[in-house]
Amino acid sequence: MQQQIQLQLLKLFSEYNPKQFNITNENIYLTEVNQQKDIQKQYEINQISNQSNQVINLRPDTFDDDSTSQNIQNGYYENSELNPNLMKNVIRQFFKFMTDEKNMEIVQEFLKQKSYQQAMKYTKKIIKDYKFNNTYLTRLINREGYRSIFEYFLTLEIQEWLYNSKIKDIQSHIKCIDFLKECCIDKKKLQALNRYKKKD
């Protein structure tokens, strides 16, 4: 909506002062096309997110205490929520978020026991030593302060990456993100990760 208003203002100003606002019909057309693409992509992400939530709501037993572990062992999540490549993508984006200075205030809000410099030093050590497997994911979420900031990232920040990325399997990533949020909320679901073994 804001982009549309800005475009309308530019059109209006260009009529009154064409020398100052060098806008051609071609530029206006391309801008409108790009806006439509952005709107369509955002609509698709919202639709997929809603579908993902509906699937979870339709499967109330999926995350029950015992069934979570059993479903993992049976490979139920292997191609979606527990796909190692999807998890790797999400964790990498989380690390980028953590080490970006523009997020300094957010990081400090969740890691209040450390100064920003201490938090960055500690986070960079975690990143350096991190191995992309379920054991290290469990350790990451269980670290003091990191569970909350990871949940915050999955809830409010990762959408921007999904929106701007060129990934094709957005639905699978959203399922993975939803599952990781469940792990942040319920320790029993997090413990189930350690029982999951990749098939040879």
C-alpha atoms as a PDB file:
ATOM      1  CA  MET A   1       0.000   0.000   0.000  1.00  0.00           C
ATOM      2  CA  GLN A   2       2.799   2.422   0.901  1.00  0.00           C
ATOM      3  CA  GLN A   3       4.564   1.695  -2.395  1.00  0.00           C
ATOM      4  CA  GLN A   4       1.348   2.378  -4.309  1.00  0.00           C
ATOM      5  CA  ILE A   5       0.920   5.721  -2.543  1.00  0.00           C
ATOM      6  CA  GLN A   6       4.528   6.663  -3.280  1.00  0.00           C
ATOM      7  CA  LEU A   7       4.059   5.764  -6.937  1.00  0.00           C
ATOM      8  CA  GLN A   8       0.897   7.873  -7.171  1.00  0.00           C
ATOM      9  CA  LEU A   9       2.704  10.823  -5.596  1.00  0.00           C
ATOM     10  CA  LEU A  10       5.593  10.478  -8.024  1.00  0.00           C
ATOM     11  CA  LYS A  11       3.172  10.424 -10.950  1.00  0.00           C
ATOM     12  CA  LEU A  12       1.446  13.530  -9.625  1.00  0.00           C
ATOM     13  CA  PHE A  13       4.702  15.416  -9.001  1.00  0.00           C
ATOM     14  CA  SER A  14       6.069  14.462 -12.398  1.00  0.00           C
ATOM     15  CA  GLU A  15       3.079  16.110 -14.083  1.00  0.00           C
ATOM     16  CA  TYR A  16       3.812  19.407 -12.319  1.00  0.00           C
ATOM     17  CA  ASN A  17       7.595  19.288 -12.589  1.00  0.00           C
ATOM     18  CA  PRO A  18       8.685  16.818 -15.299  1.00  0.00           C
ATOM     19  CA  LYS A  19      12.286  18.094 -15.301  1.00  0.00           C
ATOM     20  CA  GLN A  20      12.802  17.289 -11.635  1.00  0.00           C
ATOM     21  CA  PHE A  21      10.996  13.940 -11.753  1.00  0.00           C
ATOM     22  CA  ASN A  22      12.287  12.058 -14.768  1.00  0.00           C
ATOM     23  CA  ILE A  23       9.715   9.270 -14.830  1.00  0.00           C
ATOM     24  CA  THR A  24       8.875   7.475 -18.038  1.00  0.00           C
ATOM     25  CA  ASN A  25       5.849   5.336 -18.764  1.00  0.00           C
ATOM     26  CA  GLU A  26       8.179   2.365 -19.022  1.00  0.00           C
ATOM     27  CA  ASN A  27       9.577   2.957 -15.531  1.00  0.00           C
ATOM     28  CA  ILE A  28       6.083   3.310 -14.119  1.00  0.00           C
ATOM     29  CA  TYR A  29       4.996   0.101 -15.823  1.00  0.00           C
ATOM     30  CA  LEU A  30       8.008  -1.841 -14.522  1.00  0.00           C
ATOM     31  CA  THR A  31       7.428  -0.517 -11.013  1.00  0.00           C
ATOM     32  CA  GLU A  32       3.793  -1.597 -11.126  1.00  0.00           C
ATOM     33  CA  VAL A  33       4.758  -5.055 -12.431  1.00  0.00           C
ATOM     34  CA  ASN A  34       7.304  -5.494  -9.633  1.00  0.00           C
ATOM     35  CA  GLN A  35       4.706  -4.441  -7.089  1.00  0.00           C
ATOM     36  CA  GLN A  36       2.286  -7.024  -8.427  1.00  0.00           C
ATOM     37  CA  LYS A  37       4.980  -9.698  -8.198  1.00  0.00           C
ATOM     38  CA  ASP A  38       5.740  -8.706  -4.604  1.00  0.00           C
ATOM     39  CA  ILE A  39       2.059  -8.806  -3.705  1.00  0.00           C
ATOM     40  CA  GLN A  40       1.640 -12.205  -5.368  1.00  0.00           C
ATOM     41  CA  LYS A  41       4.667 -13.689  -3.602  1.00  0.00           C
ATOM     42  CA  GLN A  42       3.511 -12.358  -0.229  1.00  0.00           C
ATOM     43  CA  TYR A  43       0.054 -13.790  -0.914  1.00  0.00           C
ATOM     44  CA  GLU A  44       1.573 -17.193  -1.707  1.00  0.00           C
ATOM     45  CA  ILE A  45       3.649 -17.170   1.481  1.00  0.00           C
ATOM     46  CA  ASN A  46       0.582 -16.247   3.545  1.00  0.00           C
ATOM     47  CA  GLN A  47      -1.489 -18.952   1.868  1.00  0.00           C
ATOM     48  CA  ILE A  48       1.172 -21.589   2.436  1.00  0.00           C
ATOM     49  CA  SER A  49       1.583 -20.511   6.050  1.00  0.00           C
ATOM     50  CA  ASN A  50      -2.167 -20.797   6.599  1.00  0.00           C
ATOM     51  CA  GLN A  51      -2.207 -24.219   4.960  1.00  0.00           C
ATOM     52  CA  SER A  52       0.653 -25.340   7.169  1.00  0.00           C
ATOM     53  CA  ASN A  53      -1.206 -24.201  10.283  1.00  0.00           C
ATOM     54  CA  GLN A  54      -4.334 -25.988   9.106  1.00  0.00           C
ATOM     55  CA  VAL A  55      -2.399 -29.208   8.595  1.00  0.00           C
ATOM     56  CA  ILE A  56      -0.994 -28.993  12.115  1.00  0.00           C
ATOM     57  CA  ASN A  57      -4.452 -28.251  13.533  1.00  0.00           C
ATOM     58  CA  LEU A  58      -5.907 -31.218  11.678  1.00  0.00           C
ATOM     59  CA  ARG A  59      -3.297 -33.509  13.201  1.00  0.00           C
ATOM     60  CA  PRO A  60      -3.743 -32.960  16.959  1.00  0.00           C
ATOM     61  CA  ASP A  61      -1.882 -36.157  17.772  1.00  0.00           C
ATOM     62  CA  THR A  62       1.192 -35.224  15.754  1.00  0.00           C
ATOM     63  CA  PHE A  63       2.893 -33.528  18.680  1.00  0.00           C
ATOM     64  CA  ASP A  64       1.517 -35.594  21.554  1.00  0.00           C
ATOM     65  CA  ASP A  65       4.158 -36.605  24.060  1.00  0.00           C
ATOM     66  CA  ASP A  66       4.635 -40.197  22.894  1.00  0.00           C
ATOM     67  CA  SER A  67       3.526 -39.854  19.280  1.00  0.00           C
ATOM     68  CA  THR A  68       6.129 -37.161  18.548  1.00  0.00           C
ATOM     69  CA  SER A  69       8.990 -39.524  19.290  1.00  0.00           C
ATOM     70  CA  GLN A  70       7.274 -42.396  17.482  1.00  0.00           C
ATOM     71  CA  ASN A  71       6.566 -40.301  14.390  1.00  0.00           C
ATOM     72  CA  ILE A  72      10.194 -39.194  14.274  1.00  0.00           C
ATOM     73  CA  GLN A  73      11.454 -42.754  14.615  1.00  0.00           C
ATOM     74  CA  ASN A  74       9.113 -43.864  11.840  1.00  0.00           C
ATOM     75  CA  GLY A  75      10.508 -41.194   9.527  1.00  0.00           C
ATOM     76  CA  TYR A  76       7.274 -39.203   9.546  1.00  0.00           C
ATOM     77  CA  TYR A  77       9.141 -35.890   9.507  1.00  0.00           C
ATOM     78  CA  GLU A  78      12.094 -36.965   7.429  1.00  0.00           C
ATOM     79  CA  ASN A  79      11.133 -35.063   4.286  1.00  0.00           C
ATOM     80  CA  SER A  80       9.686 -31.980   5.919  1.00  0.00           C
ATOM     81  CA  GLU A  81      10.135 -30.739   9.487  1.00  0.00           C
ATOM     82  CA  LEU A  82      13.311 -32.732  10.162  1.00  0.00           C
ATOM     83  CA  ASN A  83      14.904 -32.393   6.755  1.00  0.00           C
ATOM     84  CA  PRO A  84      18.581 -31.647   7.600  1.00  0.00           C
ATOM     85  CA  ASN A  85      19.026 -29.281   4.649  1.00  0.00           C
ATOM     86  CA  LEU A  86      16.005 -27.201   5.619  1.00  0.00           C
ATOM     87  CA  MET A  87      17.159 -26.998   9.222  1.00  0.00           C
ATOM     88  CA  LYS A  88      20.612 -25.974   8.056  1.00  0.00           C
ATOM     89  CA  ASN A  89      19.101 -23.121   6.018  1.00  0.00           C
ATOM     90  CA  VAL A  90      17.085 -21.891   8.996  1.00  0.00           C
ATOM     91  CA  ILE A  91      19.990 -22.102  11.467  1.00  0.00           C
ATOM     92  CA  ARG A  92      22.316 -20.249   9.088  1.00  0.00           C
ATOM     93  CA  GLN A  93      19.799 -17.427   8.787  1.00  0.00           C
ATOM     94  CA  PHE A  94      19.490 -17.336  12.574  1.00  0.00           C
ATOM     95  CA  PHE A  95      23.262 -16.986  12.946  1.00  0.00           C
ATOM     96  CA  LYS A  96      23.257 -14.155  10.386  1.00  0.00           C
ATOM     97  CA  PHE A  97      20.500 -12.454  12.345  1.00  0.00           C
ATOM     98  CA  MET A  98      22.410 -12.837  15.613  1.00  0.00           C
ATOM     99  CA  THR A  99      25.642 -11.347  14.262  1.00  0.00           C
ATOM    100  CA  ASP A 100      24.069  -8.450  12.334  1.00  0.00           C
ATOM    101  CA  GLU A 101      24.776  -5.228  14.253  1.00  0.00           C
ATOM    102  CA  LYS A 102      21.419  -3.746  13.286  1.00  0.00           C
ATOM    103  CA  ASN A 103      19.837  -6.367  15.580  1.00  0.00           C
ATOM    104  CA  MET A 104      22.003  -5.335  18.534  1.00  0.00           C
ATOM    105  CA  GLU A 105      19.117  -4.048  20.669  1.00  0.00           C
ATOM    106  CA  ILE A 106      17.103  -7.227  20.121  1.00  0.00           C
ATOM    107  CA  VAL A 107      20.053  -9.442  21.032  1.00  0.00           C
ATOM    108  CA  GLN A 108      20.723  -7.417  24.176  1.00  0.00           C
ATOM    109  CA  GLU A 109      17.069  -7.631  25.173  1.00  0.00           C
ATOM    110  CA  PHE A 110      17.218 -11.431  25.245  1.00  0.00           C
ATOM    111  CA  LEU A 111      20.795 -11.823  26.502  1.00  0.00           C
ATOM    112  CA  LYS A 112      20.602  -9.276  29.292  1.00  0.00           C
ATOM    113  CA  GLN A 113      23.178 -11.057  31.433  1.00  0.00           C
ATOM    114  CA  LYS A 114      25.877 -10.213  28.860  1.00  0.00           C
ATOM    115  CA  SER A 115      27.081  -7.005  27.249  1.00  0.00           C
ATOM    116  CA  TYR A 116      26.649  -6.870  23.471  1.00  0.00           C
ATOM    117  CA  GLN A 117      30.376  -7.475  22.984  1.00  0.00           C
ATOM    118  CA  GLN A 118      30.274 -10.494  25.302  1.00  0.00           C
ATOM    119  CA  ALA A 119      27.159 -11.810  23.573  1.00  0.00           C
ATOM    120  CA  MET A 120      28.804 -11.510  20.150  1.00  0.00           C
ATOM    121  CA  LYS A 121      31.994 -13.200  21.323  1.00  0.00           C
ATOM    122  CA  TYR A 122      29.977 -16.044  22.832  1.00  0.00           C
ATOM    123  CA  THR A 123      27.713 -16.347  19.778  1.00  0.00           C
ATOM    124  CA  LYS A 124      30.631 -16.430  17.342  1.00  0.00           C
ATOM    125  CA  LYS A 125      32.206 -19.229  19.382  1.00  0.00           C
ATOM    126  CA  ILE A 126      28.936 -21.170  19.164  1.00  0.00           C
ATOM    127  CA  ILE A 127      28.855 -20.640  15.388  1.00  0.00           C
ATOM    128  CA  LYS A 128      32.485 -21.718  15.001  1.00  0.00           C
ATOM    129  CA  ASP A 129      31.947 -24.943  16.952  1.00  0.00           C
ATOM    130  CA  TYR A 130      28.448 -25.641  15.619  1.00  0.00           C
ATOM    131  CA  LYS A 131      27.769 -28.852  13.731  1.00  0.00           C
ATOM    132  CA  PHE A 132      24.528 -29.050  11.796  1.00  0.00           C
ATOM    133  CA  ASN A 133      22.878 -31.974  13.545  1.00  0.00           C
ATOM    134  CA  ASN A 134      20.071 -32.489  16.044  1.00  0.00           C
ATOM    135  CA  THR A 135      22.389 -32.772  19.045  1.00  0.00           C
ATOM    136  CA  TYR A 136      23.866 -29.324  18.457  1.00  0.00           C
ATOM    137  CA  LEU A 137      20.425 -27.896  17.665  1.00  0.00           C
ATOM    138  CA  THR A 138      19.179 -29.169  21.019  1.00  0.00           C
ATOM    139  CA  ARG A 139      22.170 -27.618  22.786  1.00  0.00           C
ATOM    140  CA  LEU A 140      21.592 -24.310  21.010  1.00  0.00           C
ATOM    141  CA  ILE A 141      17.946 -24.083  22.049  1.00  0.00           C
ATOM    142  CA  ASN A 142      18.768 -25.127  25.618  1.00  0.00           C
ATOM    143  CA  ARG A 143      21.357 -22.365  26.069  1.00  0.00           C
ATOM    144  CA  GLU A 144      20.247 -19.611  28.410  1.00  0.00           C
ATOM    145  CA  GLY A 145      18.622 -16.793  26.457  1.00  0.00           C
ATOM    146  CA  TYR A 146      19.000 -18.467  23.081  1.00  0.00           C
ATOM    147  CA  ARG A 147      15.739 -20.403  23.255  1.00  0.00           C
ATOM    148  CA  SER A 148      13.737 -17.169  23.513  1.00  0.00           C
ATOM    149  CA  ILE A 149      15.664 -15.282  20.848  1.00  0.00           C
ATOM    150  CA  PHE A 150      15.456 -18.285  18.497  1.00  0.00           C
ATOM    151  CA  GLU A 151      11.695 -18.459  19.002  1.00  0.00           C
ATOM    152  CA  TYR A 152      11.468 -14.693  18.404  1.00  0.00           C
ATOM    153  CA  PHE A 153      13.483 -15.068  15.197  1.00  0.00           C
ATOM    154  CA  LEU A 154      11.299 -17.931  13.944  1.00  0.00           C
ATOM    155  CA  THR A 155       8.129 -16.004  14.743  1.00  0.00           C
ATOM    156  CA  LEU A 156       8.887 -12.467  13.564  1.00  0.00           C
ATOM    157  CA  GLU A 157      12.112 -12.221  11.596  1.00  0.00           C
ATOM    158  CA  ILE A 158      12.505 -15.213   9.305  1.00  0.00           C
ATOM    159  CA  GLN A 159       9.507 -14.199   7.162  1.00  0.00           C
ATOM    160  CA  GLU A 160      11.612 -11.452   5.605  1.00  0.00           C
ATOM    161  CA  TRP A 161      14.168 -14.026   4.485  1.00  0.00           C
ATOM    162  CA  LEU A 162      11.440 -16.260   3.039  1.00  0.00           C
ATOM    163  CA  TYR A 163       9.926 -13.271   1.261  1.00  0.00           C
ATOM    164  CA  ASN A 164      13.213 -12.133  -0.294  1.00  0.00           C
ATOM    165  CA  SER A 165      14.759 -15.525  -0.963  1.00  0.00           C
ATOM    166  CA  LYS A 166      14.660 -17.483  -4.200  1.00  0.00           C
ATOM    167  CA  ILE A 167      13.890 -20.823  -2.580  1.00  0.00           C
ATOM    168  CA  LYS A 168      11.238 -22.878  -4.329  1.00  0.00           C
ATOM    169  CA  ASP A 169      10.160 -25.163  -1.484  1.00  0.00           C
ATOM    170  CA  ILE A 170       8.714 -22.446   0.740  1.00  0.00           C
ATOM    171  CA  GLN A 171       6.048 -24.764   2.142  1.00  0.00           C
ATOM    172  CA  SER A 172       8.642 -27.259   3.395  1.00  0.00           C
ATOM    173  CA  HIS A 173      10.610 -24.464   5.050  1.00  0.00           C
ATOM    174  CA  ILE A 174       7.475 -23.184   6.784  1.00  0.00           C
ATOM    175  CA  LYS A 175       6.757 -26.674   8.138  1.00  0.00           C
ATOM    176  CA  CYS A 176      10.323 -26.882   9.413  1.00  0.00           C
ATOM    177  CA  ILE A 177      10.012 -23.450  11.048  1.00  0.00           C
ATOM    178  CA  ASP A 178       6.721 -24.417  12.698  1.00  0.00           C
ATOM    179  CA  PHE A 179       8.280 -27.593  14.079  1.00  0.00           C
ATOM    180  CA  LEU A 180      11.293 -25.707  15.466  1.00  0.00           C
ATOM    181  CA  LYS A 181       8.959 -23.232  17.167  1.00  0.00           C
ATOM    182  CA  GLU A 182       7.210 -26.184  18.799  1.00  0.00           C
ATOM    183  CA  CYS A 183      10.595 -27.412  20.019  1.00  0.00           C
ATOM    184  CA  CYS A 184      11.277 -24.020  21.615  1.00  0.00           C
ATOM    185  CA  ILE A 185       7.981 -24.159  23.480  1.00  0.00           C
ATOM    186  CA  ASP A 186       7.881 -27.824  24.535  1.00  0.00           C
ATOM    187  CA  LYS A 187      11.004 -29.537  25.850  1.00  0.00           C
ATOM    188  CA  LYS A 188       9.500 -32.977  25.214  1.00  0.00           C
ATOM    189  CA  LYS A 189       9.372 -32.243  21.504  1.00  0.00           C
ATOM    190  CA  LEU A 190      12.925 -30.958  21.682  1.00  0.00           C
ATOM    191  CA  GLN A 191      14.060 -34.150  23.414  1.00  0.00           C
ATOM    192  CA  ALA A 192      12.488 -36.163  20.609  1.00  0.00           C
ATOM    193  CA  LEU A 193      15.051 -34.686  18.208  1.00  0.00           C
ATOM    194  CA  ASN A 194      17.785 -36.664  19.935  1.00  0.00           C
ATOM    195  CA  ARG A 195      15.930 -39.913  19.237  1.00  0.00           C
ATOM    196  CA  TYR A 196      15.790 -39.233  15.512  1.00  0.00           C
ATOM    197  CA  LYS A 197      18.351 -41.107  13.435  1.00  0.00           C
ATOM    198  CA  LYS A 198      18.846 -40.445   9.749  1.00  0.00           C
ATOM    199  CA  LYS A 199      18.324 -43.485   7.558  1.00  0.00           C
ATOM    200  CA  ASP A 200      21.438 -44.911   5.988  1.00  0.00           C
END
